[in-house]
Amino acid sequence: MSTLYLLHKPYRMLSQFTDDQGRATLKDIIDVPGIYAAGRLDYDSEGLLLLTDDGELIHRISDPRHKQPKTYWVQVEGEPNDKAIDALRKGVALKDGVTRPARVQRLMEPAVAPRKPPIRRRAETKVSWLEITISEGRNRQVRRMTAHIGHPTLRLIRTAIGPWQLSGLATGQWRSETLHAPIKRRSTFSRASRRRS
């Protein structure tokens, strides 16, 4: 039995508990001792981060061999056409190799809180939203994928890692779940009532 913490990481916060440059870290929003992030989320990205004190669980979540799919809501500059969307679905050639096929669909603008600070962009520039699910975790992968098709990422929010969802967590909030089975056959869990904002 393990405890997993689901946290909504804000924009411009490190996915760690210490920093020698005075930047915001996880200790600013979660006060549970002895836990570590299972994987990471870039400083300039938002959304779901998983934490636990169980080293084996961290490995099962973050090791690419276990292929936990990660889903993102991505605001991009411009409006990708069908050809661009299809390229993401098939895999695009980045400097470190061709990406695995991704699940991609267009989104209506999701009901998300405004980012703080807000995104700076030209008023005449159109923007659109995509939902992208990948099964690998290269450095800044989603941003590089959208740049490759000519639509730079403006805002990136991770909404799911495997079976775990961001839903119900406002920016800076977290909740805990007690796992009763390994994640590869995770059939039962209980959600703790403890919740912080």
N, C-alpha and C. Protein backbone atom coordinates (compact mmCIF):
# COMPACT_ATOMS: atom_id res chain seq x y z
N MET A 1 0.85 -1.19 0.00
CA MET A 1 0.00 0.00 0.00
C MET A 1 0.90 1.25 0.00
N SER A 2 0.62 2.18 -0.91
CA SER A 2 1.41 3.39 -1.04
C SER A 2 0.49 4.60 -1.11
N THR A 3 1.03 5.73 -0.75
CA THR A 3 0.28 6.99 -0.88
C THR A 3 0.87 7.79 -2.02
N LEU A 4 -0.01 8.25 -2.88
CA LEU A 4 0.38 9.06 -4.03
C LEU A 4 -0.27 10.42 -3.89
N TYR A 5 0.49 11.46 -4.14
CA TYR A 5 -0.01 12.83 -4.05
C TYR A 5 -0.13 13.41 -5.45
N LEU A 6 -1.31 13.91 -5.77
CA LEU A 6 -1.57 14.56 -7.05
C LEU A 6 -1.58 16.05 -6.82
N LEU A 7 -0.75 16.77 -7.53
CA LEU A 7 -0.57 18.20 -7.30
C LEU A 7 -0.71 18.97 -8.60
N HIS A 8 -1.37 20.11 -8.54
CA HIS A 8 -1.49 21.00 -9.70
C HIS A 8 -0.38 22.03 -9.63
N LYS A 9 0.72 21.75 -10.34
CA LYS A 9 1.87 22.64 -10.31
C LYS A 9 1.58 23.94 -11.05
N PRO A 10 1.86 25.07 -10.41
CA PRO A 10 1.66 26.34 -11.11
C PRO A 10 2.76 26.62 -12.14
N TYR A 11 2.48 27.57 -12.99
CA TYR A 11 3.46 28.11 -13.93
C TYR A 11 4.60 28.75 -13.13
N ARG A 12 5.81 28.61 -13.66
CA ARG A 12 7.01 29.17 -13.04
C ARG A 12 7.23 28.66 -11.63
N MET A 13 7.14 27.35 -11.49
CA MET A 13 7.51 26.67 -10.25
C MET A 13 8.31 25.43 -10.63
N LEU A 14 9.40 25.19 -9.89
CA LEU A 14 10.23 24.02 -10.14
C LEU A 14 9.55 22.76 -9.62
N SER A 15 9.82 21.62 -10.26
CA SER A 15 9.27 20.34 -9.83
C SER A 15 10.19 19.69 -8.80
N GLN A 16 10.64 20.47 -7.84
CA GLN A 16 11.54 20.00 -6.78
C GLN A 16 11.31 20.87 -5.55
N PHE A 17 11.96 20.50 -4.46
CA PHE A 17 11.70 21.17 -3.18
C PHE A 17 12.75 22.20 -2.79
N THR A 18 13.86 22.28 -3.49
CA THR A 18 14.90 23.25 -3.17
C THR A 18 15.39 23.94 -4.42
N ASP A 19 15.92 25.14 -4.24
CA ASP A 19 16.51 25.88 -5.35
C ASP A 19 17.45 26.93 -4.80
N ASP A 20 18.64 27.01 -5.37
CA ASP A 20 19.62 27.98 -4.87
C ASP A 20 19.52 29.33 -5.56
N GLN A 21 18.50 29.49 -6.42
CA GLN A 21 18.31 30.76 -7.11
C GLN A 21 17.06 31.51 -6.64
N GLY A 22 16.42 30.99 -5.61
CA GLY A 22 15.27 31.68 -5.05
C GLY A 22 13.98 31.55 -5.83
N ARG A 23 13.91 30.58 -6.76
CA ARG A 23 12.68 30.39 -7.52
C ARG A 23 11.66 29.60 -6.69
N ALA A 24 10.40 29.70 -7.09
CA ALA A 24 9.34 28.96 -6.39
C ALA A 24 9.58 27.47 -6.54
N THR A 25 9.33 26.72 -5.45
CA THR A 25 9.49 25.27 -5.46
C THR A 25 8.26 24.62 -4.83
N LEU A 26 8.23 23.31 -4.87
CA LEU A 26 7.08 22.57 -4.35
C LEU A 26 6.87 22.80 -2.86
N LYS A 27 7.93 23.12 -2.12
CA LYS A 27 7.75 23.35 -0.68
C LYS A 27 6.84 24.54 -0.40
N ASP A 28 6.62 25.37 -1.41
CA ASP A 28 5.73 26.52 -1.23
C ASP A 28 4.26 26.13 -1.20
N ILE A 29 3.94 24.90 -1.66
CA ILE A 29 2.52 24.54 -1.75
C ILE A 29 2.18 23.18 -1.15
N ILE A 30 3.18 22.36 -0.81
CA ILE A 30 2.87 21.06 -0.20
C ILE A 30 3.85 20.81 0.94
N ASP A 31 3.32 20.39 2.08
CA ASP A 31 4.12 20.31 3.30
C ASP A 31 4.30 18.87 3.80
N VAL A 32 4.25 17.89 2.91
CA VAL A 32 4.39 16.49 3.30
C VAL A 32 5.88 16.12 3.26
N PRO A 33 6.46 15.69 4.38
CA PRO A 33 7.89 15.38 4.38
C PRO A 33 8.22 14.07 3.67
N GLY A 34 9.41 14.02 3.07
CA GLY A 34 9.94 12.78 2.53
C GLY A 34 9.40 12.34 1.19
N ILE A 35 8.67 13.21 0.49
CA ILE A 35 8.13 12.82 -0.82
C ILE A 35 8.94 13.45 -1.94
N TYR A 36 8.88 12.79 -3.10
CA TYR A 36 9.61 13.25 -4.27
C TYR A 36 8.71 13.13 -5.49
N ALA A 37 9.01 13.94 -6.50
CA ALA A 37 8.22 13.90 -7.72
C ALA A 37 8.55 12.66 -8.54
N ALA A 38 7.53 12.03 -9.08
CA ALA A 38 7.69 10.91 -10.00
C ALA A 38 7.71 11.49 -11.41
N GLY A 39 8.89 11.84 -11.88
CA GLY A 39 9.01 12.54 -13.15
C GLY A 39 9.09 14.03 -12.89
N ARG A 40 8.94 14.80 -13.95
CA ARG A 40 9.07 16.24 -13.81
C ARG A 40 8.10 16.95 -14.74
N LEU A 41 7.97 18.23 -14.49
CA LEU A 41 7.17 19.10 -15.34
C LEU A 41 7.95 20.41 -15.43
N ASP A 42 8.17 20.89 -16.63
CA ASP A 42 9.03 22.05 -16.81
C ASP A 42 8.58 23.26 -16.00
N TYR A 43 9.54 24.09 -15.68
CA TYR A 43 9.32 25.33 -14.92
C TYR A 43 8.21 26.18 -15.52
N ASP A 44 8.15 26.24 -16.86
CA ASP A 44 7.17 27.08 -17.54
C ASP A 44 5.93 26.31 -18.01
N SER A 45 5.74 25.10 -17.47
CA SER A 45 4.54 24.32 -17.76
C SER A 45 3.73 24.18 -16.48
N GLU A 46 2.46 23.85 -16.65
CA GLU A 46 1.53 23.74 -15.51
C GLU A 46 0.90 22.36 -15.50
N GLY A 47 0.22 22.06 -14.39
CA GLY A 47 -0.62 20.88 -14.40
C GLY A 47 -0.17 19.78 -13.47
N LEU A 48 -0.56 18.55 -13.82
CA LEU A 48 -0.47 17.41 -12.93
C LEU A 48 0.97 16.97 -12.70
N LEU A 49 1.31 16.86 -11.41
CA LEU A 49 2.58 16.30 -10.98
C LEU A 49 2.25 15.26 -9.91
N LEU A 50 2.89 14.09 -9.99
CA LEU A 50 2.67 13.02 -9.03
C LEU A 50 3.87 12.94 -8.09
N LEU A 51 3.59 12.77 -6.79
CA LEU A 51 4.65 12.67 -5.78
C LEU A 51 4.36 11.53 -4.83
N THR A 52 5.42 10.94 -4.28
CA THR A 52 5.27 9.86 -3.31
C THR A 52 6.59 9.67 -2.58
N ASP A 53 6.55 8.90 -1.47
CA ASP A 53 7.78 8.54 -0.77
C ASP A 53 8.18 7.10 -1.10
N ASP A 54 7.46 6.48 -2.03
CA ASP A 54 7.68 5.09 -2.41
C ASP A 54 8.58 5.05 -3.66
N GLY A 55 9.84 4.67 -3.47
CA GLY A 55 10.79 4.68 -4.58
C GLY A 55 10.40 3.75 -5.71
N GLU A 56 9.85 2.59 -5.38
CA GLU A 56 9.43 1.65 -6.43
C GLU A 56 8.28 2.23 -7.24
N LEU A 57 7.36 2.91 -6.58
CA LEU A 57 6.24 3.53 -7.27
C LEU A 57 6.74 4.66 -8.19
N ILE A 58 7.69 5.46 -7.71
CA ILE A 58 8.28 6.50 -8.55
C ILE A 58 8.84 5.89 -9.82
N HIS A 59 9.56 4.78 -9.67
CA HIS A 59 10.15 4.11 -10.83
C HIS A 59 9.07 3.62 -11.79
N ARG A 60 8.01 3.01 -11.26
CA ARG A 60 6.96 2.47 -12.13
C ARG A 60 6.23 3.58 -12.89
N ILE A 61 6.12 4.75 -12.28
CA ILE A 61 5.43 5.85 -12.94
C ILE A 61 6.32 6.54 -13.97
N SER A 62 7.59 6.77 -13.60
CA SER A 62 8.43 7.64 -14.42
C SER A 62 9.29 6.91 -15.44
N ASP A 63 9.51 5.61 -15.27
CA ASP A 63 10.35 4.89 -16.22
C ASP A 63 9.65 4.77 -17.56
N PRO A 64 10.30 5.23 -18.65
CA PRO A 64 9.67 5.19 -19.98
C PRO A 64 9.24 3.78 -20.41
N ARG A 65 9.90 2.76 -19.87
CA ARG A 65 9.54 1.38 -20.26
C ARG A 65 8.12 1.02 -19.84
N HIS A 66 7.59 1.71 -18.84
CA HIS A 66 6.23 1.44 -18.39
C HIS A 66 5.18 2.22 -19.19
N LYS A 67 5.66 3.17 -19.99
CA LYS A 67 4.82 3.87 -20.98
C LYS A 67 3.53 4.42 -20.39
N GLN A 68 3.63 5.12 -19.26
CA GLN A 68 2.46 5.80 -18.74
C GLN A 68 2.13 6.96 -19.69
N PRO A 69 1.01 6.94 -20.38
CA PRO A 69 0.69 8.04 -21.30
C PRO A 69 0.48 9.34 -20.52
N LYS A 70 0.89 10.43 -21.13
CA LYS A 70 0.74 11.75 -20.52
C LYS A 70 -0.07 12.62 -21.47
N THR A 71 -1.11 13.25 -20.93
CA THR A 71 -2.00 14.06 -21.75
C THR A 71 -1.85 15.53 -21.39
N TYR A 72 -1.83 16.37 -22.41
CA TYR A 72 -1.62 17.81 -22.24
C TYR A 72 -2.68 18.59 -23.00
N TRP A 73 -3.11 19.70 -22.41
CA TRP A 73 -3.85 20.71 -23.15
C TRP A 73 -2.83 21.75 -23.57
N VAL A 74 -2.78 22.01 -24.87
CA VAL A 74 -1.72 22.83 -25.42
C VAL A 74 -2.32 24.00 -26.20
N GLN A 75 -2.04 25.20 -25.74
CA GLN A 75 -2.44 26.38 -26.50
C GLN A 75 -1.30 26.73 -27.45
N VAL A 76 -1.62 26.81 -28.73
CA VAL A 76 -0.59 27.07 -29.73
C VAL A 76 -0.91 28.34 -30.52
N GLU A 77 0.13 28.88 -31.10
CA GLU A 77 -0.01 30.04 -31.96
C GLU A 77 -0.56 29.57 -33.31
N GLY A 78 -1.59 30.23 -33.79
CA GLY A 78 -2.18 29.86 -35.07
C GLY A 78 -3.16 28.72 -34.95
N GLU A 79 -3.57 28.20 -36.10
CA GLU A 79 -4.57 27.12 -36.17
C GLU A 79 -4.02 26.00 -37.04
N PRO A 80 -3.47 24.96 -36.43
CA PRO A 80 -2.91 23.86 -37.22
C PRO A 80 -3.94 23.25 -38.16
N ASN A 81 -3.51 23.01 -39.40
CA ASN A 81 -4.42 22.39 -40.37
C ASN A 81 -4.33 20.87 -40.24
N ASP A 82 -5.11 20.17 -41.04
CA ASP A 82 -5.17 18.72 -40.94
C ASP A 82 -3.82 18.07 -41.19
N LYS A 83 -3.04 18.63 -42.10
CA LYS A 83 -1.72 18.07 -42.41
C LYS A 83 -0.80 18.15 -41.19
N ALA A 84 -0.85 19.28 -40.49
CA ALA A 84 -0.01 19.46 -39.31
C ALA A 84 -0.44 18.51 -38.19
N ILE A 85 -1.75 18.37 -37.99
CA ILE A 85 -2.26 17.46 -36.98
C ILE A 85 -1.84 16.02 -37.30
N ASP A 86 -1.95 15.66 -38.57
CA ASP A 86 -1.60 14.30 -38.99
C ASP A 86 -0.12 14.03 -38.77
N ALA A 87 0.72 15.04 -38.96
CA ALA A 87 2.16 14.87 -38.72
C ALA A 87 2.44 14.54 -37.26
N LEU A 88 1.75 15.23 -36.34
CA LEU A 88 1.92 14.92 -34.92
C LEU A 88 1.47 13.50 -34.61
N ARG A 89 0.39 13.08 -35.24
CA ARG A 89 -0.14 11.74 -34.98
C ARG A 89 0.80 10.65 -35.47
N LYS A 90 1.50 10.91 -36.56
CA LYS A 90 2.39 9.91 -37.13
C LYS A 90 3.76 9.91 -36.48
N GLY A 91 4.18 11.07 -35.93
CA GLY A 91 5.52 11.22 -35.38
C GLY A 91 6.32 12.21 -36.21
N VAL A 92 6.99 13.13 -35.53
CA VAL A 92 7.78 14.15 -36.22
C VAL A 92 9.25 13.97 -35.89
N ALA A 93 10.11 14.38 -36.82
CA ALA A 93 11.55 14.22 -36.68
C ALA A 93 12.13 15.39 -35.89
N LEU A 94 12.55 15.12 -34.67
CA LEU A 94 13.23 16.10 -33.84
C LEU A 94 14.73 15.80 -33.86
N LYS A 95 15.52 16.66 -33.23
CA LYS A 95 16.97 16.48 -33.24
C LYS A 95 17.39 15.17 -32.59
N ASP A 96 16.59 14.69 -31.63
CA ASP A 96 16.93 13.44 -30.96
C ASP A 96 16.14 12.26 -31.50
N GLY A 97 15.63 12.37 -32.72
CA GLY A 97 14.95 11.25 -33.37
C GLY A 97 13.47 11.50 -33.58
N VAL A 98 12.84 10.58 -34.28
CA VAL A 98 11.42 10.70 -34.60
C VAL A 98 10.60 10.34 -33.36
N THR A 99 9.59 11.15 -33.08
CA THR A 99 8.73 10.88 -31.92
C THR A 99 7.80 9.70 -32.21
N ARG A 100 7.38 9.06 -31.15
CA ARG A 100 6.36 8.03 -31.30
C ARG A 100 5.05 8.69 -31.72
N PRO A 101 4.18 7.94 -32.38
CA PRO A 101 2.88 8.51 -32.72
C PRO A 101 2.16 9.04 -31.49
N ALA A 102 1.49 10.16 -31.64
CA ALA A 102 0.76 10.79 -30.54
C ALA A 102 -0.73 10.78 -30.85
N ARG A 103 -1.54 10.81 -29.80
CA ARG A 103 -2.97 11.04 -29.99
C ARG A 103 -3.19 12.55 -29.94
N VAL A 104 -3.83 13.07 -30.94
CA VAL A 104 -4.01 14.53 -31.05
C VAL A 104 -5.42 14.83 -31.49
N GLN A 105 -6.05 15.78 -30.83
CA GLN A 105 -7.33 16.28 -31.29
C GLN A 105 -7.44 17.77 -30.99
N ARG A 106 -8.23 18.46 -31.79
CA ARG A 106 -8.48 19.87 -31.54
C ARG A 106 -9.43 20.02 -30.36
N LEU A 107 -9.26 21.10 -29.61
CA LEU A 107 -10.11 21.38 -28.46
C LEU A 107 -10.78 22.73 -28.61
N MET A 108 -11.99 22.83 -28.12
CA MET A 108 -12.54 24.15 -27.85
C MET A 108 -11.74 24.71 -26.68
N GLU A 109 -11.71 26.02 -26.53
CA GLU A 109 -10.93 26.59 -25.44
C GLU A 109 -11.41 26.03 -24.11
N PRO A 110 -10.53 25.36 -23.35
CA PRO A 110 -10.96 24.74 -22.10
C PRO A 110 -11.22 25.78 -21.02
N ALA A 111 -12.01 25.40 -20.04
CA ALA A 111 -12.33 26.29 -18.92
C ALA A 111 -11.21 26.21 -17.90
N VAL A 112 -10.15 26.94 -18.14
CA VAL A 112 -9.00 26.96 -17.24
C VAL A 112 -8.81 28.37 -16.71
N ALA A 113 -8.26 28.47 -15.51
CA ALA A 113 -8.02 29.78 -14.91
C ALA A 113 -6.97 30.53 -15.73
N PRO A 114 -7.06 31.84 -15.79
CA PRO A 114 -6.03 32.62 -16.50
C PRO A 114 -4.66 32.34 -15.90
N ARG A 115 -3.65 32.32 -16.76
CA ARG A 115 -2.30 32.10 -16.26
C ARG A 115 -1.78 33.36 -15.61
N LYS A 116 -0.99 33.19 -14.55
CA LYS A 116 -0.36 34.32 -13.88
C LYS A 116 1.15 34.13 -13.92
N PRO A 117 1.88 35.07 -14.57
CA PRO A 117 1.39 36.21 -15.34
C PRO A 117 0.74 35.75 -16.64
N PRO A 118 -0.08 36.60 -17.25
CA PRO A 118 -0.77 36.21 -18.48
C PRO A 118 0.21 36.04 -19.65
N ILE A 119 -0.24 35.31 -20.65
CA ILE A 119 0.56 35.11 -21.86
C ILE A 119 0.62 36.41 -22.64
N ARG A 120 1.83 36.76 -23.06
CA ARG A 120 1.99 37.95 -23.89
C ARG A 120 1.97 37.54 -25.35
N ARG A 121 1.03 38.08 -26.11
CA ARG A 121 0.96 37.79 -27.53
C ARG A 121 0.32 38.96 -28.25
N ARG A 122 0.53 38.99 -29.55
CA ARG A 122 -0.06 40.05 -30.36
C ARG A 122 -1.57 39.84 -30.49
N ALA A 123 -2.30 40.92 -30.33
CA ALA A 123 -3.76 40.82 -30.34
C ALA A 123 -4.30 40.23 -31.64
N GLU A 124 -3.60 40.48 -32.73
CA GLU A 124 -4.10 40.01 -34.02
C GLU A 124 -3.72 38.55 -34.31
N THR A 125 -2.93 37.94 -33.44
CA THR A 125 -2.49 36.56 -33.66
C THR A 125 -3.55 35.58 -33.16
N LYS A 126 -4.00 34.70 -34.03
CA LYS A 126 -4.97 33.68 -33.63
C LYS A 126 -4.28 32.61 -32.79
N VAL A 127 -5.03 32.04 -31.89
CA VAL A 127 -4.53 30.92 -31.09
C VAL A 127 -5.55 29.81 -31.12
N SER A 128 -5.11 28.61 -30.81
CA SER A 128 -6.02 27.46 -30.73
C SER A 128 -5.48 26.48 -29.70
N TRP A 129 -6.33 25.50 -29.36
CA TRP A 129 -5.98 24.51 -28.34
C TRP A 129 -5.98 23.12 -28.95
N LEU A 130 -5.02 22.31 -28.52
CA LEU A 130 -4.95 20.91 -28.89
C LEU A 130 -4.89 20.07 -27.62
N GLU A 131 -5.39 18.84 -27.69
CA GLU A 131 -5.14 17.84 -26.65
C GLU A 131 -4.16 16.84 -27.25
N ILE A 132 -3.01 16.69 -26.61
CA ILE A 132 -1.95 15.82 -27.12
C ILE A 132 -1.59 14.80 -26.04
N THR A 133 -1.61 13.52 -26.42
CA THR A 133 -1.20 12.45 -25.52
C THR A 133 0.02 11.77 -26.10
N ILE A 134 1.10 11.72 -25.29
CA ILE A 134 2.33 11.07 -25.72
C ILE A 134 2.67 9.93 -24.77
N SER A 135 3.50 8.99 -25.25
CA SER A 135 3.87 7.84 -24.42
C SER A 135 5.38 7.80 -24.19
N GLU A 136 6.03 8.94 -24.35
CA GLU A 136 7.44 9.05 -24.06
C GLU A 136 7.66 10.40 -23.39
N GLY A 137 8.84 10.63 -22.86
CA GLY A 137 9.04 11.85 -22.09
C GLY A 137 10.36 12.54 -22.38
N ARG A 138 10.58 12.93 -23.61
CA ARG A 138 11.80 13.65 -23.95
C ARG A 138 11.73 15.08 -23.40
N ASN A 139 12.86 15.69 -23.27
CA ASN A 139 12.93 17.04 -22.74
C ASN A 139 12.12 18.00 -23.61
N ARG A 140 11.18 18.70 -22.99
CA ARG A 140 10.34 19.71 -23.65
C ARG A 140 9.73 19.18 -24.96
N GLN A 141 9.32 17.93 -24.93
CA GLN A 141 8.91 17.25 -26.15
C GLN A 141 7.70 17.90 -26.83
N VAL A 142 6.64 18.15 -26.08
CA VAL A 142 5.43 18.70 -26.71
C VAL A 142 5.71 20.06 -27.33
N ARG A 143 6.46 20.89 -26.63
CA ARG A 143 6.82 22.21 -27.18
C ARG A 143 7.60 22.06 -28.48
N ARG A 144 8.52 21.12 -28.50
CA ARG A 144 9.32 20.93 -29.72
C ARG A 144 8.47 20.35 -30.85
N MET A 145 7.51 19.51 -30.51
CA MET A 145 6.64 18.93 -31.54
C MET A 145 5.78 20.01 -32.20
N THR A 146 5.19 20.89 -31.39
CA THR A 146 4.32 21.91 -31.99
C THR A 146 5.15 22.95 -32.75
N ALA A 147 6.36 23.24 -32.27
CA ALA A 147 7.23 24.16 -33.01
C ALA A 147 7.60 23.56 -34.36
N HIS A 148 7.81 22.25 -34.39
CA HIS A 148 8.19 21.57 -35.63
C HIS A 148 7.13 21.75 -36.72
N ILE A 149 5.87 21.76 -36.32
CA ILE A 149 4.80 21.92 -37.32
C ILE A 149 4.45 23.39 -37.54
N GLY A 150 5.23 24.30 -36.98
CA GLY A 150 5.03 25.73 -37.23
C GLY A 150 4.03 26.42 -36.33
N HIS A 151 3.70 25.79 -35.18
CA HIS A 151 2.73 26.37 -34.26
C HIS A 151 3.28 26.33 -32.83
N PRO A 152 4.09 27.32 -32.48
CA PRO A 152 4.74 27.31 -31.16
C PRO A 152 3.74 27.24 -30.02
N THR A 153 4.12 26.53 -28.97
CA THR A 153 3.30 26.41 -27.77
C THR A 153 3.33 27.71 -26.98
N LEU A 154 2.16 28.18 -26.60
CA LEU A 154 2.04 29.36 -25.75
C LEU A 154 1.77 28.98 -24.30
N ARG A 155 1.00 27.92 -24.11
CA ARG A 155 0.66 27.47 -22.76
C ARG A 155 0.53 25.96 -22.78
N LEU A 156 1.07 25.31 -21.74
CA LEU A 156 1.07 23.86 -21.69
C LEU A 156 0.59 23.41 -20.31
N ILE A 157 -0.49 22.62 -20.30
CA ILE A 157 -1.09 22.14 -19.04
C ILE A 157 -1.20 20.63 -19.12
N ARG A 158 -0.50 19.93 -18.23
CA ARG A 158 -0.63 18.46 -18.21
C ARG A 158 -1.88 18.09 -17.42
N THR A 159 -2.75 17.33 -18.04
CA THR A 159 -4.04 17.00 -17.43
C THR A 159 -4.13 15.56 -16.95
N ALA A 160 -3.23 14.69 -17.38
CA ALA A 160 -3.31 13.29 -16.96
C ALA A 160 -1.96 12.61 -17.11
N ILE A 161 -1.71 11.68 -16.19
CA ILE A 161 -0.56 10.77 -16.28
C ILE A 161 -1.13 9.38 -16.04
N GLY A 162 -1.12 8.54 -17.05
CA GLY A 162 -1.74 7.23 -16.92
C GLY A 162 -3.19 7.40 -16.47
N PRO A 163 -3.60 6.71 -15.40
CA PRO A 163 -5.00 6.80 -14.95
C PRO A 163 -5.30 8.00 -14.07
N TRP A 164 -4.28 8.79 -13.72
CA TRP A 164 -4.49 9.90 -12.79
C TRP A 164 -4.82 11.19 -13.52
N GLN A 165 -5.83 11.90 -13.02
CA GLN A 165 -6.37 13.08 -13.69
C GLN A 165 -6.18 14.34 -12.84
N LEU A 166 -6.00 15.45 -13.52
CA LEU A 166 -5.88 16.75 -12.86
C LEU A 166 -7.23 17.26 -12.37
N SER A 167 -8.30 16.77 -12.93
CA SER A 167 -9.63 17.32 -12.68
C SER A 167 -9.92 17.49 -11.20
N GLY A 168 -10.51 18.64 -10.85
CA GLY A 168 -10.88 18.92 -9.47
C GLY A 168 -9.82 19.64 -8.67
N LEU A 169 -8.63 19.82 -9.24
CA LEU A 169 -7.56 20.51 -8.54
C LEU A 169 -7.30 21.87 -9.16
N ALA A 170 -7.48 22.93 -8.38
CA ALA A 170 -7.13 24.26 -8.83
C ALA A 170 -5.61 24.43 -8.74
N THR A 171 -5.10 25.44 -9.39
CA THR A 171 -3.66 25.70 -9.35
C THR A 171 -3.16 25.78 -7.91
N GLY A 172 -2.12 25.01 -7.60
CA GLY A 172 -1.54 25.02 -6.27
C GLY A 172 -2.18 24.06 -5.30
N GLN A 173 -3.27 23.39 -5.68
CA GLN A 173 -3.93 22.43 -4.80
C GLN A 173 -3.34 21.03 -4.98
N TRP A 174 -3.54 20.19 -3.96
CA TRP A 174 -3.14 18.79 -4.05
C TRP A 174 -4.12 17.92 -3.28
N ARG A 175 -4.09 16.63 -3.63
CA ARG A 175 -4.87 15.64 -2.90
C ARG A 175 -4.06 14.35 -2.85
N SER A 176 -4.43 13.45 -1.98
CA SER A 176 -3.71 12.18 -1.88
C SER A 176 -4.63 11.01 -2.18
N GLU A 177 -4.03 9.93 -2.69
CA GLU A 177 -4.73 8.68 -2.94
C GLU A 177 -3.91 7.54 -2.33
N THR A 178 -4.60 6.59 -1.73
CA THR A 178 -3.94 5.39 -1.21
C THR A 178 -4.10 4.29 -2.24
N LEU A 179 -2.98 3.78 -2.74
CA LEU A 179 -3.01 2.73 -3.76
C LEU A 179 -3.00 1.37 -3.08
N HIS A 180 -3.90 0.50 -3.54
CA HIS A 180 -3.99 -0.84 -2.97
C HIS A 180 -3.48 -1.92 -3.91
N ALA A 181 -3.01 -1.50 -5.10
CA ALA A 181 -2.53 -2.46 -6.08
C ALA A 181 -1.48 -1.78 -6.94
N PRO A 182 -0.56 -2.55 -7.55
CA PRO A 182 0.41 -1.96 -8.47
C PRO A 182 -0.29 -1.21 -9.60
N ILE A 183 0.34 -0.19 -10.12
CA ILE A 183 -0.33 0.63 -11.13
C ILE A 183 -0.61 -0.11 -12.42
N LYS A 184 0.18 -1.15 -12.74
CA LYS A 184 -0.08 -1.85 -14.00
C LYS A 184 -1.41 -2.59 -13.98
N ARG A 185 -1.94 -2.87 -12.80
CA ARG A 185 -3.26 -3.49 -12.71
C ARG A 185 -4.08 -2.75 -11.65
N ARG A 186 -3.93 -1.44 -11.65
CA ARG A 186 -4.53 -0.61 -10.62
C ARG A 186 -6.04 -0.61 -10.77
N SER A 187 -6.71 -1.37 -9.91
CA SER A 187 -8.16 -1.49 -10.03
C SER A 187 -8.89 -0.83 -8.87
N THR A 188 -8.19 -0.66 -7.74
CA THR A 188 -8.86 -0.06 -6.59
C THR A 188 -7.97 0.98 -5.95
N PHE A 189 -8.58 2.04 -5.52
CA PHE A 189 -7.87 3.04 -4.75
C PHE A 189 -8.89 3.80 -3.94
N SER A 190 -8.41 4.45 -2.90
CA SER A 190 -9.29 5.31 -2.13
C SER A 190 -8.71 6.71 -2.12
N ARG A 191 -9.53 7.69 -2.31
CA ARG A 191 -9.08 9.08 -2.34
C ARG A 191 -9.20 9.65 -0.93
N ALA A 192 -8.10 10.15 -0.42
CA ALA A 192 -8.12 10.73 0.93
C ALA A 192 -8.93 12.01 0.93
N SER A 193 -9.51 12.28 2.06
CA SER A 193 -10.32 13.49 2.16
C SER A 193 -9.46 14.73 2.35
N ARG A 194 -8.18 14.53 2.70
CA ARG A 194 -7.31 15.66 2.93
C ARG A 194 -7.05 16.40 1.63
N ARG A 195 -7.20 17.71 1.67
CA ARG A 195 -7.04 18.51 0.47
C ARG A 195 -6.52 19.86 0.87
N ARG A 196 -5.55 20.35 0.14
CA ARG A 196 -4.95 21.64 0.47
C ARG A 196 -5.05 22.58 -0.71
N SER A 197 -5.06 23.87 -0.40
CA SER A 197 -5.02 24.87 -1.47
C SER A 197 -3.97 25.89 -1.11
